[in-house]
Amino acid sequence: VVHDGLVCVAIGQDPEHGTGKGSLSCMSPEGEGDRTKAGPAWRYDG
């Protein structure tokens, strides 16, 4: 989802796999290369 200068998305699996740990990240849609180490604007692991 792109909104107000950020792109946000959560990770997940086929519900048949059951519940588990997730994570939600929001970051700028601008950038180059692998941005994993630089990190998102914010991340929610709850």
All heavy atoms as atom14 arrays in JSON, in Angstrom:
{
  "sequence": "VVHDGLVCVAIGQDPEHGTGKGSLSCMSPEGEGDRTKAGPAWRYDG",
  "atom14_mask": [
    [1, 1, 1, 1, 1, 1, 1, 0, 0, 0, 0, 0, 0, 0],
    [1, 1, 1, 1, 1, 1, 1, 0, 0, 0, 0, 0, 0, 0],
    [1, 1, 1, 1, 1, 1, 1, 1, 1, 1, 0, 0, 0, 0],
    [1, 1, 1, 1, 1, 1, 1, 1, 0, 0, 0, 0, 0, 0],
    [1, 1, 1, 1, 0, 0, 0, 0, 0, 0, 0, 0, 0, 0],
    [1, 1, 1, 1, 1, 1, 1, 1, 0, 0, 0, 0, 0, 0],
    [1, 1, 1, 1, 1, 1, 1, 0, 0, 0, 0, 0, 0, 0],
    [1, 1, 1, 1, 1, 1, 0, 0, 0, 0, 0, 0, 0, 0],
    [1, 1, 1, 1, 1, 1, 1, 0, 0, 0, 0, 0, 0, 0],
    [1, 1, 1, 1, 1, 0, 0, 0, 0, 0, 0, 0, 0, 0],
    [1, 1, 1, 1, 1, 1, 1, 1, 0, 0, 0, 0, 0, 0],
    [1, 1, 1, 1, 0, 0, 0, 0, 0, 0, 0, 0, 0, 0],
    [1, 1, 1, 1, 1, 1, 1, 1, 1, 0, 0, 0, 0, 0],
    [1, 1, 1, 1, 1, 1, 1, 1, 0, 0, 0, 0, 0, 0],
    [1, 1, 1, 1, 1, 1, 1, 0, 0, 0, 0, 0, 0, 0],
    [1, 1, 1, 1, 1, 1, 1, 1, 1, 0, 0, 0, 0, 0],
    [1, 1, 1, 1, 1, 1, 1, 1, 1, 1, 0, 0, 0, 0],
    [1, 1, 1, 1, 0, 0, 0, 0, 0, 0, 0, 0, 0, 0],
    [1, 1, 1, 1, 1, 1, 1, 0, 0, 0, 0, 0, 0, 0],
    [1, 1, 1, 1, 0, 0, 0, 0, 0, 0, 0, 0, 0, 0],
    [1, 1, 1, 1, 1, 1, 1, 1, 1, 0, 0, 0, 0, 0],
    [1, 1, 1, 1, 0, 0, 0, 0, 0, 0, 0, 0, 0, 0],
    [1, 1, 1, 1, 1, 1, 0, 0, 0, 0, 0, 0, 0, 0],
    [1, 1, 1, 1, 1, 1, 1, 1, 0, 0, 0, 0, 0, 0],
    [1, 1, 1, 1, 1, 1, 0, 0, 0, 0, 0, 0, 0, 0],
    [1, 1, 1, 1, 1, 1, 0, 0, 0, 0, 0, 0, 0, 0],
    [1, 1, 1, 1, 1, 1, 1, 1, 0, 0, 0, 0, 0, 0],
    [1, 1, 1, 1, 1, 1, 0, 0, 0, 0, 0, 0, 0, 0],
    [1, 1, 1, 1, 1, 1, 1, 0, 0, 0, 0, 0, 0, 0],
    [1, 1, 1, 1, 1, 1, 1, 1, 1, 0, 0, 0, 0, 0],
    [1, 1, 1, 1, 0, 0, 0, 0, 0, 0, 0, 0, 0, 0],
    [1, 1, 1, 1, 1, 1, 1, 1, 1, 0, 0, 0, 0, 0],
    [1, 1, 1, 1, 0, 0, 0, 0, 0, 0, 0, 0, 0, 0],
    [1, 1, 1, 1, 1, 1, 1, 1, 0, 0, 0, 0, 0, 0],
    [1, 1, 1, 1, 1, 1, 1, 1, 1, 1, 1, 0, 0, 0],
    [1, 1, 1, 1, 1, 1, 1, 0, 0, 0, 0, 0, 0, 0],
    [1, 1, 1, 1, 1, 1, 1, 1, 1, 0, 0, 0, 0, 0],
    [1, 1, 1, 1, 1, 0, 0, 0, 0, 0, 0, 0, 0, 0],
    [1, 1, 1, 1, 0, 0, 0, 0, 0, 0, 0, 0, 0, 0],
    [1, 1, 1, 1, 1, 1, 1, 0, 0, 0, 0, 0, 0, 0],
    [1, 1, 1, 1, 1, 0, 0, 0, 0, 0, 0, 0, 0, 0],
    [1, 1, 1, 1, 1, 1, 1, 1, 1, 1, 1, 1, 1, 1],
    [1, 1, 1, 1, 1, 1, 1, 1, 1, 1, 1, 0, 0, 0],
    [1, 1, 1, 1, 1, 1, 1, 1, 1, 1, 1, 1, 0, 0],
    [1, 1, 1, 1, 1, 1, 1, 1, 0, 0, 0, 0, 0, 0],
    [1, 1, 1, 1, 0, 0, 0, 0, 0, 0, 0, 0, 0, 0]
  ],
  "atom14_positions": [
    [[0.85, -1.19, 0.0], [0.0, 0.0, 0.0], [0.89, 1.24, 0.0], [1.77, 1.38, 0.85], [-0.94, 0.01, 1.22], [-1.66, 1.35, 1.33], [-1.95, -1.12, 1.12], [0.0, 0.0, 0.0], [0.0, 0.0, 0.0], [0.0, 0.0, 0.0], [0.0, 0.0, 0.0], [0.0, 0.0, 0.0], [0.0, 0.0, 0.0], [0.0, 0.0, 0.0]],
    [[0.66, 2.12, -0.95], [1.43, 3.36, -1.07], [0.57, 4.5, -0.54], [-0.55, 4.72, -1.0], [1.83, 3.62, -2.54], [2.66, 4.89, -2.64], [2.59, 2.43, -3.1], [0.0, 0.0, 0.0], [0.0, 0.0, 0.0], [0.0, 0.0, 0.0], [0.0, 0.0, 0.0], [0.0, 0.0, 0.0], [0.0, 0.0, 0.0], [0.0, 0.0, 0.0]],
    [[1.1, 5.24, 0.44], [0.33, 6.32, 1.05], [1.26, 7.35, 1.67], [2.15, 7.01, 2.47], [-0.6, 5.75, 2.13], [-1.4, 6.8, 2.86], [-2.56, 7.33, 2.34], [-1.19, 7.41, 4.04], [-3.05, 8.22, 3.19], [-2.24, 8.29, 4.23], [0.0, 0.0, 0.0], [0.0, 0.0, 0.0], [0.0, 0.0, 0.0], [0.0, 0.0, 0.0]],
    [[1.09, 8.59, 1.29], [1.78, 9.73, 1.92], [3.29, 9.52, 2.0], [3.91, 9.7, 3.04], [1.2, 9.96, 3.31], [1.55, 11.35, 3.86], [1.91, 12.24, 3.06], [1.45, 11.54, 5.09], [0.0, 0.0, 0.0], [0.0, 0.0, 0.0], [0.0, 0.0, 0.0], [0.0, 0.0, 0.0], [0.0, 0.0, 0.0], [0.0, 0.0, 0.0]],
    [[3.88, 9.12, 0.88], [5.33, 9.01, 0.81], [5.91, 7.73, 1.38], [7.13, 7.6, 1.53], [0.0, 0.0, 0.0], [0.0, 0.0, 0.0], [0.0, 0.0, 0.0], [0.0, 0.0, 0.0], [0.0, 0.0, 0.0], [0.0, 0.0, 0.0], [0.0, 0.0, 0.0], [0.0, 0.0, 0.0], [0.0, 0.0, 0.0], [0.0, 0.0, 0.0]],
    [[5.06, 6.74, 1.7], [5.53, 5.47, 2.23], [4.86, 4.32, 1.49], [3.75, 4.46, 0.99], [5.23, 5.35, 3.72], [5.97, 6.27, 4.69], [5.44, 6.06, 6.11], [7.47, 6.02, 4.65], [0.0, 0.0, 0.0], [0.0, 0.0, 0.0], [0.0, 0.0, 0.0], [0.0, 0.0, 0.0], [0.0, 0.0, 0.0], [0.0, 0.0, 0.0]],
    [[5.55, 3.19, 1.45], [4.94, 1.95, 0.95], [5.01, 0.95, 2.1], [6.06, 0.76, 2.72], [5.66, 1.42, -0.31], [7.15, 1.25, -0.1], [5.05, 0.1, -0.76], [0.0, 0.0, 0.0], [0.0, 0.0, 0.0], [0.0, 0.0, 0.0], [0.0, 0.0, 0.0], [0.0, 0.0, 0.0], [0.0, 0.0, 0.0], [0.0, 0.0, 0.0]],
    [[3.86, 0.33, 2.41], [3.76, -0.53, 3.6], [3.25, -1.91, 3.21], [2.35, -2.04, 2.38], [2.79, 0.09, 4.61], [3.22, 1.78, 5.12], [0.0, 0.0, 0.0], [0.0, 0.0, 0.0], [0.0, 0.0, 0.0], [0.0, 0.0, 0.0], [0.0, 0.0, 0.0], [0.0, 0.0, 0.0], [0.0, 0.0, 0.0], [0.0, 0.0, 0.0]],
    [[3.83, -2.94, 3.83], [3.4, -4.31, 3.55], [3.8, -5.23, 4.7], [4.81, -4.99, 5.38], [3.99, -4.81, 2.22], [5.47, -5.14, 2.36], [3.22, -6.0, 1.67], [0.0, 0.0, 0.0], [0.0, 0.0, 0.0], [0.0, 0.0, 0.0], [0.0, 0.0, 0.0], [0.0, 0.0, 0.0], [0.0, 0.0, 0.0], [0.0, 0.0, 0.0]],
    [[3.0, -6.26, 4.92], [3.28, -7.26, 5.94], [3.66, -8.58, 5.3], [3.29, -8.86, 4.16], [2.06, -7.46, 6.85], [0.0, 0.0, 0.0], [0.0, 0.0, 0.0], [0.0, 0.0, 0.0], [0.0, 0.0, 0.0], [0.0, 0.0, 0.0], [0.0, 0.0, 0.0], [0.0, 0.0, 0.0], [0.0, 0.0, 0.0], [0.0, 0.0, 0.0]],
    [[4.4, -9.42, 6.05], [4.75, -10.75, 5.57], [3.75, -11.77, 6.12], [3.07, -11.52, 7.12], [6.18, -11.15, 5.98], [6.33, -11.14, 7.51], [7.2, -10.25, 5.31], [7.65, -11.7, 8.0], [0.0, 0.0, 0.0], [0.0, 0.0, 0.0], [0.0, 0.0, 0.0], [0.0, 0.0, 0.0], [0.0, 0.0, 0.0], [0.0, 0.0, 0.0]],
    [[3.64, -12.92, 5.43], [2.72, -13.95, 5.89], [2.85, -15.21, 5.06], [3.64, -15.27, 4.12], [0.0, 0.0, 0.0], [0.0, 0.0, 0.0], [0.0, 0.0, 0.0], [0.0, 0.0, 0.0], [0.0, 0.0, 0.0], [0.0, 0.0, 0.0], [0.0, 0.0, 0.0], [0.0, 0.0, 0.0], [0.0, 0.0, 0.0], [0.0, 0.0, 0.0]],
    [[2.07, -16.21, 5.43], [2.08, -17.49, 4.74], [0.66, -17.99, 4.49], [-0.3, -17.45, 5.04], [2.85, -18.54, 5.56], [4.33, -18.24, 5.74], [5.07, -19.38, 6.44], [4.62, -20.52, 6.45], [6.23, -19.06, 6.99], [0.0, 0.0, 0.0], [0.0, 0.0, 0.0], [0.0, 0.0, 0.0], [0.0, 0.0, 0.0], [0.0, 0.0, 0.0]],
    [[0.59, -19.01, 3.67], [-0.67, -19.72, 3.45], [-1.29, -20.04, 4.81], [-0.62, -20.6, 5.69], [-0.36, -21.01, 2.69], [-1.58, -21.84, 2.35], [-2.63, -21.68, 3.02], [-1.48, -22.66, 1.43], [0.0, 0.0, 0.0], [0.0, 0.0, 0.0], [0.0, 0.0, 0.0], [0.0, 0.0, 0.0], [0.0, 0.0, 0.0], [0.0, 0.0, 0.0]],
    [[-2.56, -19.67, 5.05], [-3.19, -19.95, 6.35], [-3.13, -21.42, 6.75], [-3.2, -21.74, 7.94], [-4.63, -19.49, 6.14], [-4.52, -18.41, 5.12], [-3.45, -18.87, 4.19], [0.0, 0.0, 0.0], [0.0, 0.0, 0.0], [0.0, 0.0, 0.0], [0.0, 0.0, 0.0], [0.0, 0.0, 0.0], [0.0, 0.0, 0.0], [0.0, 0.0, 0.0]],
    [[-3.0, -22.34, 5.78], [-2.88, -23.75, 6.11], [-1.63, -24.05, 6.93], [-1.53, -25.08, 7.59], [-2.87, -24.59, 4.82], [-4.16, -24.55, 4.03], [-5.31, -25.25, 4.75], [-5.04, -26.14, 5.58], [-6.47, -24.9, 4.49], [0.0, 0.0, 0.0], [0.0, 0.0, 0.0], [0.0, 0.0, 0.0], [0.0, 0.0, 0.0], [0.0, 0.0, 0.0]],
    [[-0.66, -23.13, 6.89], [0.57, -23.31, 7.65], [0.42, -22.89, 9.11], [1.33, -23.08, 9.91], [1.71, -22.5, 7.02], [2.05, -22.94, 5.64], [2.94, -22.27, 4.83], [1.62, -23.98, 4.89], [3.04, -22.87, 3.66], [2.25, -23.92, 3.68], [0.0, 0.0, 0.0], [0.0, 0.0, 0.0], [0.0, 0.0, 0.0], [0.0, 0.0, 0.0]],
    [[-0.7, -22.27, 9.45], [-0.93, -21.84, 10.82], [-0.37, -20.46, 11.12], [0.16, -19.78, 10.26], [0.0, 0.0, 0.0], [0.0, 0.0, 0.0], [0.0, 0.0, 0.0], [0.0, 0.0, 0.0], [0.0, 0.0, 0.0], [0.0, 0.0, 0.0], [0.0, 0.0, 0.0], [0.0, 0.0, 0.0], [0.0, 0.0, 0.0], [0.0, 0.0, 0.0]],
    [[-0.51, -20.05, 12.36], [-0.03, -18.74, 12.78], [1.48, -18.79, 13.04], [2.07, -19.86, 13.19], [-0.75, -18.27, 14.05], [-0.53, -19.22, 15.09], [-2.25, -18.13, 13.8], [0.0, 0.0, 0.0], [0.0, 0.0, 0.0], [0.0, 0.0, 0.0], [0.0, 0.0, 0.0], [0.0, 0.0, 0.0], [0.0, 0.0, 0.0], [0.0, 0.0, 0.0]],
    [[2.09, -17.63, 13.1], [3.52, -17.54, 13.35], [3.94, -16.09, 13.47], [3.11, -15.18, 13.44], [0.0, 0.0, 0.0], [0.0, 0.0, 0.0], [0.0, 0.0, 0.0], [0.0, 0.0, 0.0], [0.0, 0.0, 0.0], [0.0, 0.0, 0.0], [0.0, 0.0, 0.0], [0.0, 0.0, 0.0], [0.0, 0.0, 0.0], [0.0, 0.0, 0.0]],
    [[5.23, -15.87, 13.58], [5.75, -14.51, 13.73], [5.65, -13.75, 12.42], [5.99, -14.28, 11.35], [7.2, -14.55, 14.21], [7.37, -15.13, 15.61], [8.83, -15.13, 16.04], [9.35, -13.72, 16.23], [10.73, -13.72, 16.78], [0.0, 0.0, 0.0], [0.0, 0.0, 0.0], [0.0, 0.0, 0.0], [0.0, 0.0, 0.0], [0.0, 0.0, 0.0]],
    [[5.19, -12.52, 12.5], [5.08, -11.68, 11.32], [5.91, -10.42, 11.46], [6.67, -10.25, 12.41], [0.0, 0.0, 0.0], [0.0, 0.0, 0.0], [0.0, 0.0, 0.0], [0.0, 0.0, 0.0], [0.0, 0.0, 0.0], [0.0, 0.0, 0.0], [0.0, 0.0, 0.0], [0.0, 0.0, 0.0], [0.0, 0.0, 0.0], [0.0, 0.0, 0.0]],
    [[5.75, -9.52, 10.53], [6.43, -8.23, 10.57], [5.77, -7.32, 9.55], [5.35, -7.77, 8.48], [7.93, -8.39, 10.24], [8.61, -7.15, 10.39], [0.0, 0.0, 0.0], [0.0, 0.0, 0.0], [0.0, 0.0, 0.0], [0.0, 0.0, 0.0], [0.0, 0.0, 0.0], [0.0, 0.0, 0.0], [0.0, 0.0, 0.0], [0.0, 0.0, 0.0]],
    [[5.67, -6.05, 9.9], [5.08, -5.03, 9.03], [6.08, -3.91, 8.84], [6.59, -3.36, 9.82], [3.79, -4.49, 9.66], [3.15, -3.24, 9.04], [2.65, -3.53, 7.64], [2.0, -2.75, 9.92], [0.0, 0.0, 0.0], [0.0, 0.0, 0.0], [0.0, 0.0, 0.0], [0.0, 0.0, 0.0], [0.0, 0.0, 0.0], [0.0, 0.0, 0.0]],
    [[6.41, -3.59, 7.58], [7.4, -2.56, 7.28], [6.79, -1.44, 6.46], [5.95, -1.68, 5.58], [8.58, -3.14, 6.49], [9.27, -4.13, 7.23], [0.0, 0.0, 0.0], [0.0, 0.0, 0.0], [0.0, 0.0, 0.0], [0.0, 0.0, 0.0], [0.0, 0.0, 0.0], [0.0, 0.0, 0.0], [0.0, 0.0, 0.0], [0.0, 0.0, 0.0]],
    [[7.22, -0.2, 6.74], [6.86, 0.96, 5.93], [8.14, 1.69, 5.56], [8.99, 1.95, 6.42], [5.93, 1.9, 6.7], [4.23, 1.35, 6.8], [0.0, 0.0, 0.0], [0.0, 0.0, 0.0], [0.0, 0.0, 0.0], [0.0, 0.0, 0.0], [0.0, 0.0, 0.0], [0.0, 0.0, 0.0], [0.0, 0.0, 0.0], [0.0, 0.0, 0.0]],
    [[8.27, 2.05, 4.29], [9.49, 2.7, 3.82], [9.19, 3.59, 2.62], [8.12, 3.5, 2.02], [10.53, 1.65, 3.43], [10.09, 0.71, 2.34], [11.14, -0.76, 2.24], [12.76, -0.04, 2.05], [0.0, 0.0, 0.0], [0.0, 0.0, 0.0], [0.0, 0.0, 0.0], [0.0, 0.0, 0.0], [0.0, 0.0, 0.0], [0.0, 0.0, 0.0]],
    [[10.15, 4.44, 2.29], [10.0, 5.31, 1.13], [10.08, 4.48, -0.14], [10.88, 3.54, -0.23], [11.11, 6.37, 1.13], [11.16, 7.03, -0.13], [0.0, 0.0, 0.0], [0.0, 0.0, 0.0], [0.0, 0.0, 0.0], [0.0, 0.0, 0.0], [0.0, 0.0, 0.0], [0.0, 0.0, 0.0], [0.0, 0.0, 0.0], [0.0, 0.0, 0.0]],
    [[9.27, 4.8, -1.16], [9.36, 4.08, -2.43], [10.58, 4.5, -3.26], [10.83, 3.93, -4.31], [8.05, 4.44, -3.14], [7.69, 5.77, -2.59], [8.14, 5.76, -1.16], [0.0, 0.0, 0.0], [0.0, 0.0, 0.0], [0.0, 0.0, 0.0], [0.0, 0.0, 0.0], [0.0, 0.0, 0.0], [0.0, 0.0, 0.0], [0.0, 0.0, 0.0]],
    [[11.32, 5.49, -2.78], [12.53, 5.93, -3.47], [13.71, 5.09, -3.01], [13.71, 4.51, -1.93], [12.8, 7.41, -3.18], [11.69, 8.35, -3.6], [12.05, 9.79, -3.36], [13.18, 10.18, -3.7], [11.21, 10.54, -2.83], [0.0, 0.0, 0.0], [0.0, 0.0, 0.0], [0.0, 0.0, 0.0], [0.0, 0.0, 0.0], [0.0, 0.0, 0.0]],
    [[14.75, 5.02, -3.84], [15.96, 4.31, -3.44], [16.56, 3.51, -4.58], [16.01, 3.43, -5.67], [0.0, 0.0, 0.0], [0.0, 0.0, 0.0], [0.0, 0.0, 0.0], [0.0, 0.0, 0.0], [0.0, 0.0, 0.0], [0.0, 0.0, 0.0], [0.0, 0.0, 0.0], [0.0, 0.0, 0.0], [0.0, 0.0, 0.0], [0.0, 0.0, 0.0]],
    [[17.72, 2.89, -4.28], [18.43, 2.07, -5.25], [19.07, 0.89, -4.53], [19.42, 0.98, -3.36], [19.52, 2.89, -5.96], [19.04, 4.09, -6.76], [18.35, 3.71, -8.06], [18.56, 2.56, -8.51], [17.62, 4.55, -8.61], [0.0, 0.0, 0.0], [0.0, 0.0, 0.0], [0.0, 0.0, 0.0], [0.0, 0.0, 0.0], [0.0, 0.0, 0.0]],
    [[19.23, -0.22, -5.25], [19.96, -1.36, -4.72], [19.24, -2.11, -3.62], [18.04, -2.02, -3.45], [0.0, 0.0, 0.0], [0.0, 0.0, 0.0], [0.0, 0.0, 0.0], [0.0, 0.0, 0.0], [0.0, 0.0, 0.0], [0.0, 0.0, 0.0], [0.0, 0.0, 0.0], [0.0, 0.0, 0.0], [0.0, 0.0, 0.0], [0.0, 0.0, 0.0]],
    [[20.03, -2.86, -2.83], [19.48, -3.63, -1.71], [19.4, -2.7, -0.5], [20.41, -2.25, 0.03], [20.38, -4.82, -1.4], [19.72, -5.8, -0.43], [18.9, -5.35, 0.4], [20.03, -7.0, -0.49], [0.0, 0.0, 0.0], [0.0, 0.0, 0.0], [0.0, 0.0, 0.0], [0.0, 0.0, 0.0], [0.0, 0.0, 0.0], [0.0, 0.0, 0.0]],
    [[18.18, -2.45, -0.05], [17.95, -1.49, 1.03], [17.72, -2.17, 2.38], [17.32, -1.53, 3.35], [16.74, -0.61, 0.69], [16.95, 0.2, -0.6], [15.69, 0.92, -1.01], [15.24, 1.85, 0.03], [14.08, 2.5, 0.01], [13.25, 2.31, -1.0], [13.73, 3.31, 0.98], [0.0, 0.0, 0.0], [0.0, 0.0, 0.0], [0.0, 0.0, 0.0]],
    [[18.02, -3.46, 2.45], [17.74, -4.21, 3.67], [18.53, -3.68, 4.86], [17.98, -3.46, 5.94], [18.05, -5.7, 3.47], [17.3, -6.19, 2.35], [17.68, -6.5, 4.7], [0.0, 0.0, 0.0], [0.0, 0.0, 0.0], [0.0, 0.0, 0.0], [0.0, 0.0, 0.0], [0.0, 0.0, 0.0], [0.0, 0.0, 0.0], [0.0, 0.0, 0.0]],
    [[19.84, -3.47, 4.68], [20.67, -3.01, 5.8], [20.3, -1.59, 6.23], [20.33, -1.26, 7.41], [22.15, -3.08, 5.41], [22.7, -4.49, 5.34], [24.19, -4.49, 5.08], [24.74, -5.92, 5.06], [26.21, -5.94, 4.81], [0.0, 0.0, 0.0], [0.0, 0.0, 0.0], [0.0, 0.0, 0.0], [0.0, 0.0, 0.0], [0.0, 0.0, 0.0]],
    [[19.95, -0.76, 5.27], [19.56, 0.61, 5.6], [18.28, 0.63, 6.42], [18.08, 1.5, 7.27], [19.39, 1.43, 4.32], [0.0, 0.0, 0.0], [0.0, 0.0, 0.0], [0.0, 0.0, 0.0], [0.0, 0.0, 0.0], [0.0, 0.0, 0.0], [0.0, 0.0, 0.0], [0.0, 0.0, 0.0], [0.0, 0.0, 0.0], [0.0, 0.0, 0.0]],
    [[17.43, -0.36, 6.19], [16.21, -0.5, 6.97], [15.07, 0.38, 6.49], [15.26, 1.32, 5.71], [0.0, 0.0, 0.0], [0.0, 0.0, 0.0], [0.0, 0.0, 0.0], [0.0, 0.0, 0.0], [0.0, 0.0, 0.0], [0.0, 0.0, 0.0], [0.0, 0.0, 0.0], [0.0, 0.0, 0.0], [0.0, 0.0, 0.0], [0.0, 0.0, 0.0]],
    [[13.86, 0.11, 6.97], [12.68, 0.89, 6.58], [12.56, 2.16, 7.41], [13.36, 2.38, 8.33], [11.54, -0.08, 6.9], [12.03, -0.84, 8.09], [13.52, -1.0, 7.89], [0.0, 0.0, 0.0], [0.0, 0.0, 0.0], [0.0, 0.0, 0.0], [0.0, 0.0, 0.0], [0.0, 0.0, 0.0], [0.0, 0.0, 0.0], [0.0, 0.0, 0.0]],
    [[11.57, 2.97, 7.1], [11.27, 4.14, 7.93], [10.86, 3.66, 9.32], [11.25, 4.23, 10.34], [10.17, 4.98, 7.3], [0.0, 0.0, 0.0], [0.0, 0.0, 0.0], [0.0, 0.0, 0.0], [0.0, 0.0, 0.0], [0.0, 0.0, 0.0], [0.0, 0.0, 0.0], [0.0, 0.0, 0.0], [0.0, 0.0, 0.0], [0.0, 0.0, 0.0]],
    [[10.06, 2.59, 9.36], [9.74, 1.93, 10.62], [9.27, 0.51, 10.36], [8.86, 0.18, 9.26], [8.71, 2.72, 11.43], [7.36, 2.97, 10.8], [6.97, 4.1, 10.14], [6.23, 2.08, 10.78], [5.67, 3.97, 9.7], [5.18, 2.75, 10.09], [5.98, 0.8, 11.28], [3.93, 2.18, 9.88], [4.73, 0.22, 11.08], [3.73, 0.91, 10.39]],
    [[9.37, -0.31, 11.41], [8.97, -1.71, 11.32], [8.27, -2.11, 12.61], [8.68, -1.7, 13.71], [10.19, -2.6, 11.1], [9.87, -4.03, 10.69], [11.14, -4.84, 10.53], [11.65, -5.27, 11.84], [12.89, -5.7, 12.05], [13.76, -5.73, 11.06], [13.27, -6.09, 13.25], [0.0, 0.0, 0.0], [0.0, 0.0, 0.0], [0.0, 0.0, 0.0]],
    [[7.22, -2.89, 12.48], [6.45, -3.34, 13.64], [6.44, -4.86, 13.65], [5.91, -5.5, 12.75], [5.02, -2.79, 13.54], [4.07, -3.27, 14.61], [4.27, -2.98, 15.95], [2.94, -4.02, 14.26], [3.38, -3.43, 16.93], [2.05, -4.46, 15.22], [2.27, -4.16, 16.55], [1.39, -4.6, 17.52], [0.0, 0.0, 0.0], [0.0, 0.0, 0.0]],
    [[7.06, -5.44, 14.69], [7.16, -6.9, 14.79], [6.14, -7.48, 15.77], [6.19, -8.68, 16.07], [8.57, -7.3, 15.22], [9.62, -6.96, 14.18], [9.25, -6.8, 13.0], [10.81, -6.83, 14.55], [0.0, 0.0, 0.0], [0.0, 0.0, 0.0], [0.0, 0.0, 0.0], [0.0, 0.0, 0.0], [0.0, 0.0, 0.0], [0.0, 0.0, 0.0]],
    [[5.21, -6.66, 16.24], [4.19, -7.14, 17.16], [3.03, -7.82, 16.46], [2.1, -8.28, 17.13], [0.0, 0.0, 0.0], [0.0, 0.0, 0.0], [0.0, 0.0, 0.0], [0.0, 0.0, 0.0], [0.0, 0.0, 0.0], [0.0, 0.0, 0.0], [0.0, 0.0, 0.0], [0.0, 0.0, 0.0], [0.0, 0.0, 0.0], [0.0, 0.0, 0.0]]
  ]
}
